[in-house]
Amino acid sequence: MSALFNINFRREAYLKEVARARRRLVTLGVWVAYFGVVAVAMGLYGLNCMSLSRRVTQLQRQTASMQKNQTSRAQWQIPATEVGRIETYLANPRRWRDRMTRLVALLPDNAKVTSVASNPNNQTGPGSQDRLVVTGQLRVPAHQDRMAGVTNFVSTLRRDSLFASTYKNVRLSSTRIVEANTTEFVIECQ
């Protein structure tokens, strides 16, 4: 006699055991993740504490050093050339504001400035620190000469009292035709 099917009487106990094992695994995973996050947070707090204590130690050393040298600070003299350089840096923001407002006032109605760079090559010479590079676009009607508007703007900058007093050389560095009636220009003021 052959059996057509088998009845597994232990299946219900097996399913209960699998469900219990799954619950234990999920619970264990949640606890491991929780303690992992806590360990990472505590580690970051520890690194922050170490960095802060190093910084405090450094500031205490600097304070002690300055207190030791407090008597010699009264004898410290600044050279006249350095005082002059400090004065030019102090007055520089005011001058740049005046230059920019004047540039906007002199700009033709059909032109726009796309970028302004001060000392774009980061040169350290005295003449190059006030170097100004103005990039813009000039839109002219189809029947007018494109270069005439750009050269008129450059000559206006040369004749202006503020730009003439600040820059000895105002020149048109390059031009490029962007569209049929738009010319891109680069003006260097040194």
C-alpha atoms as a PDB file:
ATOM      1  CA  MET A   1       0.000   0.000   0.000  1.00  0.00           C
ATOM      2  CA  SER A   2       1.420   3.427  -0.962  1.00  0.00           C
ATOM      3  CA  ALA A   3       0.610   6.703   0.703  1.00  0.00           C
ATOM      4  CA  LEU A   4      -0.645   9.453  -1.548  1.00  0.00           C
ATOM      5  CA  PHE A   5       0.457  12.146   0.823  1.00  0.00           C
ATOM      6  CA  ASN A   6       2.240  12.628   4.120  1.00  0.00           C
ATOM      7  CA  ILE A   7       0.913  14.591   7.010  1.00  0.00           C
ATOM      8  CA  ASN A   8       3.546  16.489   8.937  1.00  0.00           C
ATOM      9  CA  PHE A   9       2.232  16.878  12.442  1.00  0.00           C
ATOM     10  CA  ARG A  10       5.299  18.873  13.499  1.00  0.00           C
ATOM     11  CA  ARG A  11       4.766  21.694  10.921  1.00  0.00           C
ATOM     12  CA  GLU A  12       2.957  23.983  13.361  1.00  0.00           C
ATOM     13  CA  ALA A  13       5.759  23.665  15.912  1.00  0.00           C
ATOM     14  CA  TYR A  14       8.287  24.325  13.157  1.00  0.00           C
ATOM     15  CA  LEU A  15       6.504  27.523  12.016  1.00  0.00           C
ATOM     16  CA  LYS A  16       6.316  28.761  15.610  1.00  0.00           C
ATOM     17  CA  GLU A  17      10.044  28.147  16.026  1.00  0.00           C
ATOM     18  CA  VAL A  18      10.854  30.040  12.764  1.00  0.00           C
ATOM     19  CA  ALA A  19       8.667  32.998  13.841  1.00  0.00           C
ATOM     20  CA  ARG A  20      10.324  33.078  17.258  1.00  0.00           C
ATOM     21  CA  ALA A  21      13.804  32.952  15.697  1.00  0.00           C
ATOM     22  CA  ARG A  22      12.845  35.770  13.280  1.00  0.00           C
ATOM     23  CA  ARG A  23      11.591  37.926  16.177  1.00  0.00           C
ATOM     24  CA  ARG A  24      14.800  37.325  18.119  1.00  0.00           C
ATOM     25  CA  LEU A  25      16.887  38.206  15.043  1.00  0.00           C
ATOM     26  CA  VAL A  26      14.971  41.442  14.416  1.00  0.00           C
ATOM     27  CA  THR A  27      15.211  42.385  18.111  1.00  0.00           C
ATOM     28  CA  LEU A  28      18.938  41.654  18.110  1.00  0.00           C
ATOM     29  CA  GLY A  29      19.374  43.752  14.939  1.00  0.00           C
ATOM     30  CA  VAL A  30      17.513  46.695  16.461  1.00  0.00           C
ATOM     31  CA  TRP A  31      19.651  46.565  19.615  1.00  0.00           C
ATOM     32  CA  VAL A  32      22.907  46.301  17.623  1.00  0.00           C
ATOM     33  CA  ALA A  33      21.869  49.279  15.455  1.00  0.00           C
ATOM     34  CA  TYR A  34      20.903  51.304  18.547  1.00  0.00           C
ATOM     35  CA  PHE A  35      24.197  50.654  20.310  1.00  0.00           C
ATOM     36  CA  GLY A  36      26.093  51.280  17.052  1.00  0.00           C
ATOM     37  CA  VAL A  37      24.519  54.720  16.695  1.00  0.00           C
ATOM     38  CA  VAL A  38      25.229  55.459  20.367  1.00  0.00           C
ATOM     39  CA  ALA A  39      28.873  54.345  19.909  1.00  0.00           C
ATOM     40  CA  VAL A  40      29.302  56.589  16.837  1.00  0.00           C
ATOM     41  CA  ALA A  41      27.755  59.553  18.666  1.00  0.00           C
ATOM     42  CA  MET A  42      29.966  58.984  21.707  1.00  0.00           C
ATOM     43  CA  GLY A  43      33.009  58.675  19.437  1.00  0.00           C
ATOM     44  CA  LEU A  44      32.196  61.999  17.769  1.00  0.00           C
ATOM     45  CA  TYR A  45      31.749  63.631  21.169  1.00  0.00           C
ATOM     46  CA  GLY A  46      35.113  62.184  22.206  1.00  0.00           C
ATOM     47  CA  LEU A  47      36.834  63.558  19.071  1.00  0.00           C
ATOM     48  CA  ASN A  48      35.216  66.946  19.658  1.00  0.00           C
ATOM     49  CA  CYS A  49      36.381  66.909  23.279  1.00  0.00           C
ATOM     50  CA  MET A  50      39.948  66.062  22.240  1.00  0.00           C
ATOM     51  CA  SER A  51      39.951  68.843  19.634  1.00  0.00           C
ATOM     52  CA  LEU A  52      38.548  71.328  22.126  1.00  0.00           C
ATOM     53  CA  SER A  53      41.102  70.408  24.779  1.00  0.00           C
ATOM     54  CA  ARG A  54      43.935  70.783  22.228  1.00  0.00           C
ATOM     55  CA  ARG A  55      42.611  74.220  21.224  1.00  0.00           C
ATOM     56  CA  VAL A  56      42.288  75.308  24.878  1.00  0.00           C
ATOM     57  CA  THR A  57      45.855  74.181  25.555  1.00  0.00           C
ATOM     58  CA  GLN A  58      47.074  76.116  22.525  1.00  0.00           C
ATOM     59  CA  LEU A  59      45.226  79.273  23.613  1.00  0.00           C
ATOM     60  CA  GLN A  60      46.614  78.960  27.130  1.00  0.00           C
ATOM     61  CA  ARG A  61      50.151  78.732  25.727  1.00  0.00           C
ATOM     62  CA  GLN A  62      49.553  81.773  23.533  1.00  0.00           C
ATOM     63  CA  THR A  63      48.107  83.746  26.455  1.00  0.00           C
ATOM     64  CA  ALA A  64      51.063  82.846  28.672  1.00  0.00           C
ATOM     65  CA  SER A  65      53.478  83.831  25.911  1.00  0.00           C
ATOM     66  CA  MET A  66      51.747  87.177  25.390  1.00  0.00           C
ATOM     67  CA  GLN A  67      51.751  87.877  29.122  1.00  0.00           C
ATOM     68  CA  LYS A  68      55.497  87.205  29.245  1.00  0.00           C
ATOM     69  CA  ASN A  69      56.115  89.532  26.297  1.00  0.00           C
ATOM     70  CA  GLN A  70      53.795  92.273  27.532  1.00  0.00           C
ATOM     71  CA  THR A  71      56.705  94.452  28.591  1.00  0.00           C
ATOM     72  CA  SER A  72      58.460  94.183  25.236  1.00  0.00           C
ATOM     73  CA  ARG A  73      55.267  95.017  23.304  1.00  0.00           C
ATOM     74  CA  ALA A  74      55.505  98.676  24.342  1.00  0.00           C
ATOM     75  CA  GLN A  75      58.872  98.889  22.559  1.00  0.00           C
ATOM     76  CA  TRP A  76      57.565  97.410  19.298  1.00  0.00           C
ATOM     77  CA  GLN A  77      57.858  99.846  16.387  1.00  0.00           C
ATOM     78  CA  ILE A  78      56.123  99.558  13.033  1.00  0.00           C
ATOM     79  CA  PRO A  79      58.179 100.707  10.009  1.00  0.00           C
ATOM     80  CA  ALA A  80      56.797 103.670   8.085  1.00  0.00           C
ATOM     81  CA  THR A  81      56.335 101.609   4.909  1.00  0.00           C
ATOM     82  CA  GLU A  82      54.142  99.136   6.787  1.00  0.00           C
ATOM     83  CA  VAL A  83      52.053 101.955   8.270  1.00  0.00           C
ATOM     84  CA  GLY A  84      51.484 103.303   4.759  1.00  0.00           C
ATOM     85  CA  ARG A  85      50.426  99.873   3.521  1.00  0.00           C
ATOM     86  CA  ILE A  86      48.000  99.503   6.433  1.00  0.00           C
ATOM     87  CA  GLU A  87      46.471 102.900   5.625  1.00  0.00           C
ATOM     88  CA  THR A  88      45.969 101.937   1.967  1.00  0.00           C
ATOM     89  CA  TYR A  89      44.260  98.692   2.975  1.00  0.00           C
ATOM     90  CA  LEU A  90      42.026 100.607   5.378  1.00  0.00           C
ATOM     91  CA  ALA A  91      40.961 103.128   2.724  1.00  0.00           C
ATOM     92  CA  ASN A  92      40.671 100.489  -0.011  1.00  0.00           C
ATOM     93  CA  PRO A  93      36.997  99.436   0.538  1.00  0.00           C
ATOM     94  CA  ARG A  94      35.854 103.046   0.315  1.00  0.00           C
ATOM     95  CA  ARG A  95      37.764 103.526  -2.906  1.00  0.00           C
ATOM     96  CA  TRP A  96      36.369 100.322  -4.424  1.00  0.00           C
ATOM     97  CA  ARG A  97      32.828 101.389  -3.603  1.00  0.00           C
ATOM     98  CA  ASP A  98      33.431 104.738  -5.306  1.00  0.00           C
ATOM     99  CA  ARG A  99      34.948 103.018  -8.340  1.00  0.00           C
ATOM    100  CA  MET A 100      32.044 100.597  -8.716  1.00  0.00           C
ATOM    101  CA  THR A 101      29.370 103.272  -8.413  1.00  0.00           C
ATOM    102  CA  ARG A 102      31.249 105.399 -10.928  1.00  0.00           C
ATOM    103  CA  LEU A 103      31.564 102.432 -13.301  1.00  0.00           C
ATOM    104  CA  VAL A 104      27.802 101.911 -13.162  1.00  0.00           C
ATOM    105  CA  ALA A 105      27.202 105.608 -13.832  1.00  0.00           C
ATOM    106  CA  LEU A 106      29.519 105.602 -16.862  1.00  0.00           C
ATOM    107  CA  LEU A 107      28.186 102.349 -18.327  1.00  0.00           C
ATOM    108  CA  PRO A 108      26.136 102.922 -21.504  1.00  0.00           C
ATOM    109  CA  ASP A 109      22.466 101.941 -21.504  1.00  0.00           C
ATOM    110  CA  ASN A 110      23.013  99.189 -24.060  1.00  0.00           C
ATOM    111  CA  ALA A 111      25.882  97.572 -22.121  1.00  0.00           C
ATOM    112  CA  LYS A 112      26.045  95.236 -19.174  1.00  0.00           C
ATOM    113  CA  VAL A 113      28.936  94.169 -16.955  1.00  0.00           C
ATOM    114  CA  THR A 114      29.254  90.383 -16.653  1.00  0.00           C
ATOM    115  CA  SER A 115      32.213  90.292 -14.255  1.00  0.00           C
ATOM    116  CA  VAL A 116      34.561  92.559 -12.332  1.00  0.00           C
ATOM    117  CA  ALA A 117      37.849  91.207 -10.999  1.00  0.00           C
ATOM    118  CA  SER A 118      40.373  92.916  -8.781  1.00  0.00           C
ATOM    119  CA  ASN A 119      43.911  91.559  -9.161  1.00  0.00           C
ATOM    120  CA  PRO A 120      42.682  88.400 -10.957  1.00  0.00           C
ATOM    121  CA  ASN A 121      46.158  86.807 -11.125  1.00  0.00           C
ATOM    122  CA  ASN A 122      46.878  87.394  -7.395  1.00  0.00           C
ATOM    123  CA  GLN A 123      50.080  89.273  -8.094  1.00  0.00           C
ATOM    124  CA  THR A 124      51.889  90.858  -5.172  1.00  0.00           C
ATOM    125  CA  GLY A 125      53.408  93.906  -6.829  1.00  0.00           C
ATOM    126  CA  PRO A 126      52.243  97.352  -5.691  1.00  0.00           C
ATOM    127  CA  GLY A 127      50.725  98.262  -9.080  1.00  0.00           C
ATOM    128  CA  SER A 128      48.954  94.971  -9.607  1.00  0.00           C
ATOM    129  CA  GLN A 129      47.002  94.941  -6.351  1.00  0.00           C
ATOM    130  CA  ASP A 130      44.685  97.711  -7.592  1.00  0.00           C
ATOM    131  CA  ARG A 131      44.373  96.178 -11.067  1.00  0.00           C
ATOM    132  CA  LEU A 132      40.788  96.063 -12.271  1.00  0.00           C
ATOM    133  CA  VAL A 133      39.480  93.829 -15.073  1.00  0.00           C
ATOM    134  CA  VAL A 134      35.964  94.575 -16.327  1.00  0.00           C
ATOM    135  CA  THR A 135      34.215  92.092 -18.611  1.00  0.00           C
ATOM    136  CA  GLY A 136      30.940  92.981 -20.236  1.00  0.00           C
ATOM    137  CA  GLN A 137      28.710  92.903 -23.277  1.00  0.00           C
ATOM    138  CA  LEU A 138      27.543  95.713 -25.532  1.00  0.00           C
ATOM    139  CA  ARG A 139      24.436  95.352 -27.692  1.00  0.00           C
ATOM    140  CA  VAL A 140      24.161  97.694 -30.689  1.00  0.00           C
ATOM    141  CA  PRO A 141      21.597  98.024 -33.468  1.00  0.00           C
ATOM    142  CA  ALA A 142      22.413  96.264 -36.732  1.00  0.00           C
ATOM    143  CA  HIS A 143      23.255  99.459 -38.679  1.00  0.00           C
ATOM    144  CA  GLN A 144      25.848 100.767 -36.147  1.00  0.00           C
ATOM    145  CA  ASP A 145      29.494  99.841 -35.748  1.00  0.00           C
ATOM    146  CA  ARG A 146      29.996  97.373 -32.892  1.00  0.00           C
ATOM    147  CA  MET A 147      33.487  98.566 -31.986  1.00  0.00           C
ATOM    148  CA  ALA A 148      32.575 102.256 -31.805  1.00  0.00           C
ATOM    149  CA  GLY A 149      30.437 101.740 -28.691  1.00  0.00           C
ATOM    150  CA  VAL A 150      33.177  99.773 -26.932  1.00  0.00           C
ATOM    151  CA  THR A 151      35.922 102.263 -27.778  1.00  0.00           C
ATOM    152  CA  ASN A 152      33.674 105.152 -26.682  1.00  0.00           C
ATOM    153  CA  PHE A 153      33.170 103.450 -23.311  1.00  0.00           C
ATOM    154  CA  VAL A 154      36.935 102.922 -22.889  1.00  0.00           C
ATOM    155  CA  SER A 155      37.646 106.560 -23.757  1.00  0.00           C
ATOM    156  CA  THR A 156      34.946 107.660 -21.296  1.00  0.00           C
ATOM    157  CA  LEU A 157      36.689 105.647 -18.560  1.00  0.00           C
ATOM    158  CA  ARG A 158      40.042 107.224 -19.489  1.00  0.00           C
ATOM    159  CA  ARG A 159      38.612 110.749 -19.296  1.00  0.00           C
ATOM    160  CA  ASP A 160      36.735 110.204 -16.037  1.00  0.00           C
ATOM    161  CA  SER A 161      38.382 112.000 -13.124  1.00  0.00           C
ATOM    162  CA  LEU A 162      38.096 109.086 -10.659  1.00  0.00           C
ATOM    163  CA  PHE A 163      39.430 106.445 -13.045  1.00  0.00           C
ATOM    164  CA  ALA A 164      42.129 108.770 -14.418  1.00  0.00           C
ATOM    165  CA  SER A 165      43.394 109.568 -10.923  1.00  0.00           C
ATOM    166  CA  THR A 166      43.443 105.912  -9.888  1.00  0.00           C
ATOM    167  CA  TYR A 167      44.580 104.200 -13.092  1.00  0.00           C
ATOM    168  CA  LYS A 168      47.276 105.442 -15.401  1.00  0.00           C
ATOM    169  CA  ASN A 169      46.487 102.870 -18.069  1.00  0.00           C
ATOM    170  CA  VAL A 170      42.901 102.059 -19.104  1.00  0.00           C
ATOM    171  CA  ARG A 171      42.913  99.861 -22.190  1.00  0.00           C
ATOM    172  CA  LEU A 172      40.689  97.556 -24.170  1.00  0.00           C
ATOM    173  CA  SER A 173      42.223  94.121 -23.715  1.00  0.00           C
ATOM    174  CA  SER A 174      40.036  92.040 -26.025  1.00  0.00           C
ATOM    175  CA  THR A 175      36.746  91.959 -27.876  1.00  0.00           C
ATOM    176  CA  ARG A 176      34.707  89.108 -29.249  1.00  0.00           C
ATOM    177  CA  ILE A 177      31.490  88.960 -31.251  1.00  0.00           C
ATOM    178  CA  VAL A 178      28.996  86.831 -29.338  1.00  0.00           C
ATOM    179  CA  GLU A 179      25.914  87.309 -31.509  1.00  0.00           C
ATOM    180  CA  ALA A 180      25.111  89.348 -34.609  1.00  0.00           C
ATOM    181  CA  ASN A 181      24.583  92.536 -32.593  1.00  0.00           C
ATOM    182  CA  THR A 182      26.388  91.751 -29.297  1.00  0.00           C
ATOM    183  CA  THR A 183      30.079  92.300 -28.613  1.00  0.00           C
ATOM    184  CA  GLU A 184      31.864  91.003 -25.523  1.00  0.00           C
ATOM    185  CA  PHE A 185      34.680  93.190 -24.226  1.00  0.00           C
ATOM    186  CA  VAL A 186      37.422  93.003 -21.595  1.00  0.00           C
ATOM    187  CA  ILE A 187      38.830  96.267 -20.204  1.00  0.00           C
ATOM    188  CA  GLU A 188      41.950  96.325 -18.019  1.00  0.00           C
ATOM    189  CA  CYS A 189      42.646  99.239 -15.704  1.00  0.00           C
ATOM    190  CA  GLN A 190      46.136  99.421 -14.176  1.00  0.00           C
END
